[in-house]
Amino acid sequence: MKDIQFNTDPTLSRKEFYSELLEQVQCICEDQTFWVTNLSNASTVIYHGLISLEHFQEKPINWCGFYITNPKNPQQLILGPFQGKVACTVIPFGKGVCGTAASSKESQLVRDVHEFPGHIACDSASNSEVVIPLVKDGRVLGVLDIDCEKIEGFTQEDKDGLEAIASVIVKCCEWPAA
């Protein structure tokens, strides 16, 4: 595995930043197919990459990780690999931002979580959130969830960049059977 370096060049556009972040995630996954390993390293790369932006883009990320579809209850997400404070451990499909992304199979870009119906507050410091579903062959494997302490902490460019990263993660991993 290659050494991952975070470019904190303030002249990088978000598009350029996400292009570099995507390349880093591809590097950590290229010789590994076990989903737990890849999600663990991906949560670290994404979290620290976004934290590196904080100094010049005011992006105080406080949580980044994955919720996985529960193999014992396929209408429920369970906590997976993450970076940040202690988190909620179970989220039903259709509940909160993560459950909504899982049930709809659509990414959720929430500029103010306090205005999201049924938001589940795992950390009171979180004010905005982006959640990307992990879907393969129509099956929801889980979600990538990122929280920010700032209202309007994420943009469409963030969502697009993270969707590309999630797509690579889904393709690189061998997932458990349904």
C-alpha atoms as a PDB file:
ATOM      1  CA  MET A   1       0.000   0.000   0.000  1.00  0.00           C
ATOM      2  CA  LYS A   2       1.249   3.454  -0.871  1.00  0.00           C
ATOM      3  CA  ASP A   3       1.841   6.121   1.761  1.00  0.00           C
ATOM      4  CA  ILE A   4      -1.164   8.458   1.842  1.00  0.00           C
ATOM      5  CA  GLN A   5      -0.356  12.176   1.908  1.00  0.00           C
ATOM      6  CA  PHE A   6      -3.004  14.852   2.351  1.00  0.00           C
ATOM      7  CA  ASN A   7      -2.544  17.887   0.162  1.00  0.00           C
ATOM      8  CA  THR A   8      -3.578  20.932   2.147  1.00  0.00           C
ATOM      9  CA  ASP A   9      -2.919  23.318  -0.719  1.00  0.00           C
ATOM     10  CA  PRO A  10      -5.529  26.076  -0.267  1.00  0.00           C
ATOM     11  CA  THR A  11      -5.617  26.676  -4.024  1.00  0.00           C
ATOM     12  CA  LEU A  12      -7.141  23.247  -4.690  1.00  0.00           C
ATOM     13  CA  SER A  13     -10.732  23.339  -5.830  1.00  0.00           C
ATOM     14  CA  ARG A  14     -13.156  20.907  -4.224  1.00  0.00           C
ATOM     15  CA  LYS A  15     -13.215  18.976  -7.491  1.00  0.00           C
ATOM     16  CA  GLU A  16      -9.403  18.644  -7.423  1.00  0.00           C
ATOM     17  CA  PHE A  17      -9.491  17.705  -3.732  1.00  0.00           C
ATOM     18  CA  TYR A  18     -12.019  14.925  -4.351  1.00  0.00           C
ATOM     19  CA  SER A  19     -10.060  13.695  -7.346  1.00  0.00           C
ATOM     20  CA  GLU A  20      -7.006  13.269  -5.102  1.00  0.00           C
ATOM     21  CA  LEU A  21      -9.096  11.713  -2.317  1.00  0.00           C
ATOM     22  CA  LEU A  22     -10.593   9.243  -4.802  1.00  0.00           C
ATOM     23  CA  GLU A  23      -7.107   8.250  -5.935  1.00  0.00           C
ATOM     24  CA  GLN A  24      -6.060   7.687  -2.316  1.00  0.00           C
ATOM     25  CA  VAL A  25      -9.083   5.460  -1.625  1.00  0.00           C
ATOM     26  CA  GLN A  26      -8.355   3.503  -4.807  1.00  0.00           C
ATOM     27  CA  CYS A  27      -4.771   2.979  -3.584  1.00  0.00           C
ATOM     28  CA  ILE A  28      -5.825   1.560  -0.225  1.00  0.00           C
ATOM     29  CA  CYS A  29      -8.329  -0.783  -1.878  1.00  0.00           C
ATOM     30  CA  GLU A  30      -6.317  -1.949  -4.870  1.00  0.00           C
ATOM     31  CA  ASP A  31      -4.753  -5.007  -3.213  1.00  0.00           C
ATOM     32  CA  GLN A  32      -7.470  -5.685  -0.637  1.00  0.00           C
ATOM     33  CA  THR A  33     -11.009  -7.015  -1.066  1.00  0.00           C
ATOM     34  CA  PHE A  34     -12.106  -7.604   2.546  1.00  0.00           C
ATOM     35  CA  TRP A  35     -14.847  -5.050   3.162  1.00  0.00           C
ATOM     36  CA  VAL A  36     -14.074  -4.431   6.853  1.00  0.00           C
ATOM     37  CA  THR A  37     -10.451  -3.605   6.080  1.00  0.00           C
ATOM     38  CA  ASN A  38     -11.348  -1.308   3.196  1.00  0.00           C
ATOM     39  CA  LEU A  39     -14.105   0.498   5.116  1.00  0.00           C
ATOM     40  CA  SER A  40     -11.756   0.971   8.077  1.00  0.00           C
ATOM     41  CA  ASN A  41      -9.015   2.498   5.957  1.00  0.00           C
ATOM     42  CA  ALA A  42     -11.467   4.464   3.797  1.00  0.00           C
ATOM     43  CA  SER A  43     -13.072   6.078   6.860  1.00  0.00           C
ATOM     44  CA  THR A  44      -9.613   7.162   8.005  1.00  0.00           C
ATOM     45  CA  VAL A  45      -8.539   8.505   4.611  1.00  0.00           C
ATOM     46  CA  ILE A  46     -11.808  10.412   4.111  1.00  0.00           C
ATOM     47  CA  TYR A  47     -11.901  11.772   7.672  1.00  0.00           C
ATOM     48  CA  HIS A  48      -8.311  12.995   7.700  1.00  0.00           C
ATOM     49  CA  GLY A  49      -8.584  14.308   4.164  1.00  0.00           C
ATOM     50  CA  LEU A  50     -11.623  16.383   5.099  1.00  0.00           C
ATOM     51  CA  ILE A  51      -9.989  17.492   8.360  1.00  0.00           C
ATOM     52  CA  SER A  52      -7.048  18.774   6.301  1.00  0.00           C
ATOM     53  CA  LEU A  53      -9.500  21.115   4.560  1.00  0.00           C
ATOM     54  CA  GLU A  54     -10.700  22.588   7.846  1.00  0.00           C
ATOM     55  CA  HIS A  55      -7.898  25.121   8.109  1.00  0.00           C
ATOM     56  CA  PHE A  56      -8.852  26.942   4.929  1.00  0.00           C
ATOM     57  CA  GLN A  57     -12.392  25.872   4.055  1.00  0.00           C
ATOM     58  CA  GLU A  58     -14.043  25.947   7.481  1.00  0.00           C
ATOM     59  CA  LYS A  59     -15.136  22.326   7.334  1.00  0.00           C
ATOM     60  CA  PRO A  60     -15.150  21.104  10.954  1.00  0.00           C
ATOM     61  CA  ILE A  61     -15.836  17.419  10.316  1.00  0.00           C
ATOM     62  CA  ASN A  62     -16.669  15.593  13.527  1.00  0.00           C
ATOM     63  CA  TRP A  63     -17.640  12.128  12.276  1.00  0.00           C
ATOM     64  CA  CYS A  64     -16.974   9.972   9.233  1.00  0.00           C
ATOM     65  CA  GLY A  65     -17.827   6.344   8.858  1.00  0.00           C
ATOM     66  CA  PHE A  66     -20.044   3.572   7.673  1.00  0.00           C
ATOM     67  CA  TYR A  67     -23.252   1.927   8.736  1.00  0.00           C
ATOM     68  CA  ILE A  68     -23.697  -1.568   7.320  1.00  0.00           C
ATOM     69  CA  THR A  69     -26.939  -3.366   6.519  1.00  0.00           C
ATOM     70  CA  ASN A  70     -27.554  -5.791   9.355  1.00  0.00           C
ATOM     71  CA  PRO A  71     -27.301  -9.372   8.014  1.00  0.00           C
ATOM     72  CA  LYS A  72     -29.805 -10.502  10.662  1.00  0.00           C
ATOM     73  CA  ASN A  73     -32.286  -7.737   9.808  1.00  0.00           C
ATOM     74  CA  PRO A  74     -31.947  -6.330   6.276  1.00  0.00           C
ATOM     75  CA  GLN A  75     -34.154  -3.341   7.152  1.00  0.00           C
ATOM     76  CA  GLN A  76     -31.670  -2.074   9.715  1.00  0.00           C
ATOM     77  CA  LEU A  77     -28.242  -0.439   9.641  1.00  0.00           C
ATOM     78  CA  ILE A  78     -25.589  -1.289  12.233  1.00  0.00           C
ATOM     79  CA  LEU A  79     -22.485   0.687  13.093  1.00  0.00           C
ATOM     80  CA  GLY A  80     -19.408  -0.137  11.029  1.00  0.00           C
ATOM     81  CA  PRO A  81     -15.870   1.298  10.861  1.00  0.00           C
ATOM     82  CA  PHE A  82     -15.669   5.015  11.648  1.00  0.00           C
ATOM     83  CA  GLN A  83     -13.620   7.969  12.892  1.00  0.00           C
ATOM     84  CA  GLY A  84     -15.075  10.268  15.555  1.00  0.00           C
ATOM     85  CA  LYS A  85     -17.031  10.108  18.788  1.00  0.00           C
ATOM     86  CA  VAL A  86     -19.127   7.169  19.953  1.00  0.00           C
ATOM     87  CA  ALA A  87     -22.064   6.725  17.573  1.00  0.00           C
ATOM     88  CA  CYS A  88     -25.557   5.299  17.370  1.00  0.00           C
ATOM     89  CA  THR A  89     -25.338   1.554  16.909  1.00  0.00           C
ATOM     90  CA  VAL A  90     -28.623   0.706  15.155  1.00  0.00           C
ATOM     91  CA  ILE A  91     -30.632   2.759  12.654  1.00  0.00           C
ATOM     92  CA  PRO A  92     -33.818   1.424  11.036  1.00  0.00           C
ATOM     93  CA  PHE A  93     -34.224   1.936   7.296  1.00  0.00           C
ATOM     94  CA  GLY A  94     -36.365   5.034   6.771  1.00  0.00           C
ATOM     95  CA  LYS A  95     -35.330   6.695  10.062  1.00  0.00           C
ATOM     96  CA  GLY A  96     -32.989   9.679  10.231  1.00  0.00           C
ATOM     97  CA  VAL A  97     -30.662  10.746   7.445  1.00  0.00           C
ATOM     98  CA  CYS A  98     -28.835   7.392   7.219  1.00  0.00           C
ATOM     99  CA  GLY A  99     -32.020   5.324   7.254  1.00  0.00           C
ATOM    100  CA  THR A 100     -33.564   7.592   4.620  1.00  0.00           C
ATOM    101  CA  ALA A 101     -30.527   7.182   2.348  1.00  0.00           C
ATOM    102  CA  ALA A 102     -30.680   3.406   2.827  1.00  0.00           C
ATOM    103  CA  SER A 103     -34.418   3.071   2.144  1.00  0.00           C
ATOM    104  CA  SER A 104     -34.444   5.453  -0.830  1.00  0.00           C
ATOM    105  CA  LYS A 105     -31.048   4.349  -2.228  1.00  0.00           C
ATOM    106  CA  GLU A 106     -30.420   8.060  -2.789  1.00  0.00           C
ATOM    107  CA  SER A 107     -27.712  10.282  -1.340  1.00  0.00           C
ATOM    108  CA  GLN A 108     -28.827  12.791   1.260  1.00  0.00           C
ATOM    109  CA  LEU A 109     -27.264  16.261   1.435  1.00  0.00           C
ATOM    110  CA  VAL A 110     -28.635  17.868   4.587  1.00  0.00           C
ATOM    111  CA  ARG A 111     -27.610  21.486   5.086  1.00  0.00           C
ATOM    112  CA  ASP A 112     -29.202  21.716   8.563  1.00  0.00           C
ATOM    113  CA  VAL A 113     -29.917  18.451  10.385  1.00  0.00           C
ATOM    114  CA  HIS A 114     -32.250  20.240  12.800  1.00  0.00           C
ATOM    115  CA  GLU A 115     -34.649  20.795   9.902  1.00  0.00           C
ATOM    116  CA  PHE A 116     -34.549  17.155   8.748  1.00  0.00           C
ATOM    117  CA  PRO A 117     -37.713  15.302   9.847  1.00  0.00           C
ATOM    118  CA  GLY A 118     -36.791  12.475  12.218  1.00  0.00           C
ATOM    119  CA  HIS A 119     -33.100  13.360  12.437  1.00  0.00           C
ATOM    120  CA  ILE A 120     -31.297  11.062  14.882  1.00  0.00           C
ATOM    121  CA  ALA A 121     -28.887  13.110  16.994  1.00  0.00           C
ATOM    122  CA  CYS A 122     -25.939  10.862  17.867  1.00  0.00           C
ATOM    123  CA  ASP A 123     -23.718  13.919  18.499  1.00  0.00           C
ATOM    124  CA  SER A 124     -25.276  17.269  19.410  1.00  0.00           C
ATOM    125  CA  ALA A 125     -22.315  19.044  17.757  1.00  0.00           C
ATOM    126  CA  SER A 126     -23.412  17.850  14.292  1.00  0.00           C
ATOM    127  CA  ASN A 127     -25.287  20.471  12.290  1.00  0.00           C
ATOM    128  CA  SER A 128     -25.030  19.217   8.696  1.00  0.00           C
ATOM    129  CA  GLU A 129     -24.613  15.809   7.147  1.00  0.00           C
ATOM    130  CA  VAL A 130     -24.029  13.997   3.883  1.00  0.00           C
ATOM    131  CA  VAL A 131     -24.944  10.324   3.515  1.00  0.00           C
ATOM    132  CA  ILE A 132     -24.134   8.198   0.483  1.00  0.00           C
ATOM    133  CA  PRO A 133     -25.779   4.770   0.098  1.00  0.00           C
ATOM    134  CA  LEU A 134     -23.565   1.823  -0.834  1.00  0.00           C
ATOM    135  CA  VAL A 135     -25.569  -0.144  -3.400  1.00  0.00           C
ATOM    136  CA  LYS A 136     -24.543  -3.164  -5.465  1.00  0.00           C
ATOM    137  CA  ASP A 137     -26.891  -4.942  -7.867  1.00  0.00           C
ATOM    138  CA  GLY A 138     -29.844  -3.112  -6.291  1.00  0.00           C
ATOM    139  CA  ARG A 139     -28.930  -4.295  -2.773  1.00  0.00           C
ATOM    140  CA  VAL A 140     -28.140  -1.744  -0.057  1.00  0.00           C
ATOM    141  CA  LEU A 141     -24.879  -2.788   1.590  1.00  0.00           C
ATOM    142  CA  GLY A 142     -24.763   0.209   3.921  1.00  0.00           C
ATOM    143  CA  VAL A 143     -24.091   3.942   3.888  1.00  0.00           C
ATOM    144  CA  LEU A 144     -21.158   6.335   4.110  1.00  0.00           C
ATOM    145  CA  ASP A 145     -22.066   9.006   6.689  1.00  0.00           C
ATOM    146  CA  ILE A 146     -20.181  12.256   7.312  1.00  0.00           C
ATOM    147  CA  ASP A 147     -21.152  14.908   9.873  1.00  0.00           C
ATOM    148  CA  CYS A 148     -20.021  18.517  10.135  1.00  0.00           C
ATOM    149  CA  GLU A 149     -20.310  20.938  13.042  1.00  0.00           C
ATOM    150  CA  LYS A 150     -21.170  23.774  10.659  1.00  0.00           C
ATOM    151  CA  ILE A 151     -24.617  24.392   9.165  1.00  0.00           C
ATOM    152  CA  GLU A 152     -24.312  24.125   5.373  1.00  0.00           C
ATOM    153  CA  GLY A 153     -21.021  22.288   5.808  1.00  0.00           C
ATOM    154  CA  PHE A 154     -21.452  20.294   2.605  1.00  0.00           C
ATOM    155  CA  THR A 155     -22.093  21.227  -1.007  1.00  0.00           C
ATOM    156  CA  GLN A 156     -23.213  19.415  -4.122  1.00  0.00           C
ATOM    157  CA  GLU A 157     -19.504  19.085  -5.013  1.00  0.00           C
ATOM    158  CA  ASP A 158     -18.918  17.240  -1.725  1.00  0.00           C
ATOM    159  CA  LYS A 159     -21.830  14.919  -2.460  1.00  0.00           C
ATOM    160  CA  ASP A 160     -20.611  14.239  -6.012  1.00  0.00           C
ATOM    161  CA  GLY A 161     -17.040  13.577  -4.848  1.00  0.00           C
ATOM    162  CA  LEU A 162     -18.184  11.251  -2.078  1.00  0.00           C
ATOM    163  CA  GLU A 163     -20.512   9.365  -4.437  1.00  0.00           C
ATOM    164  CA  ALA A 164     -17.526   8.620  -6.695  1.00  0.00           C
ATOM    165  CA  ILE A 165     -15.545   7.403  -3.677  1.00  0.00           C
ATOM    166  CA  ALA A 166     -18.439   5.217  -2.478  1.00  0.00           C
ATOM    167  CA  SER A 167     -18.706   3.686  -5.950  1.00  0.00           C
ATOM    168  CA  VAL A 168     -15.029   2.676  -5.870  1.00  0.00           C
ATOM    169  CA  ILE A 169     -15.430   1.178  -2.401  1.00  0.00           C
ATOM    170  CA  VAL A 170     -18.451  -0.868  -3.469  1.00  0.00           C
ATOM    171  CA  LYS A 171     -16.601  -2.222  -6.527  1.00  0.00           C
ATOM    172  CA  CYS A 172     -13.369  -3.043  -4.670  1.00  0.00           C
ATOM    173  CA  CYS A 173     -14.861  -5.101  -1.869  1.00  0.00           C
ATOM    174  CA  GLU A 174     -16.095  -8.667  -1.595  1.00  0.00           C
ATOM    175  CA  TRP A 175     -19.325  -8.248   0.344  1.00  0.00           C
ATOM    176  CA  PRO A 176     -21.044 -10.857   2.487  1.00  0.00           C
ATOM    177  CA  ALA A 177     -23.916 -12.704   0.819  1.00  0.00           C
ATOM    178  CA  ALA A 178     -27.397 -11.382   1.456  1.00  0.00           C
END
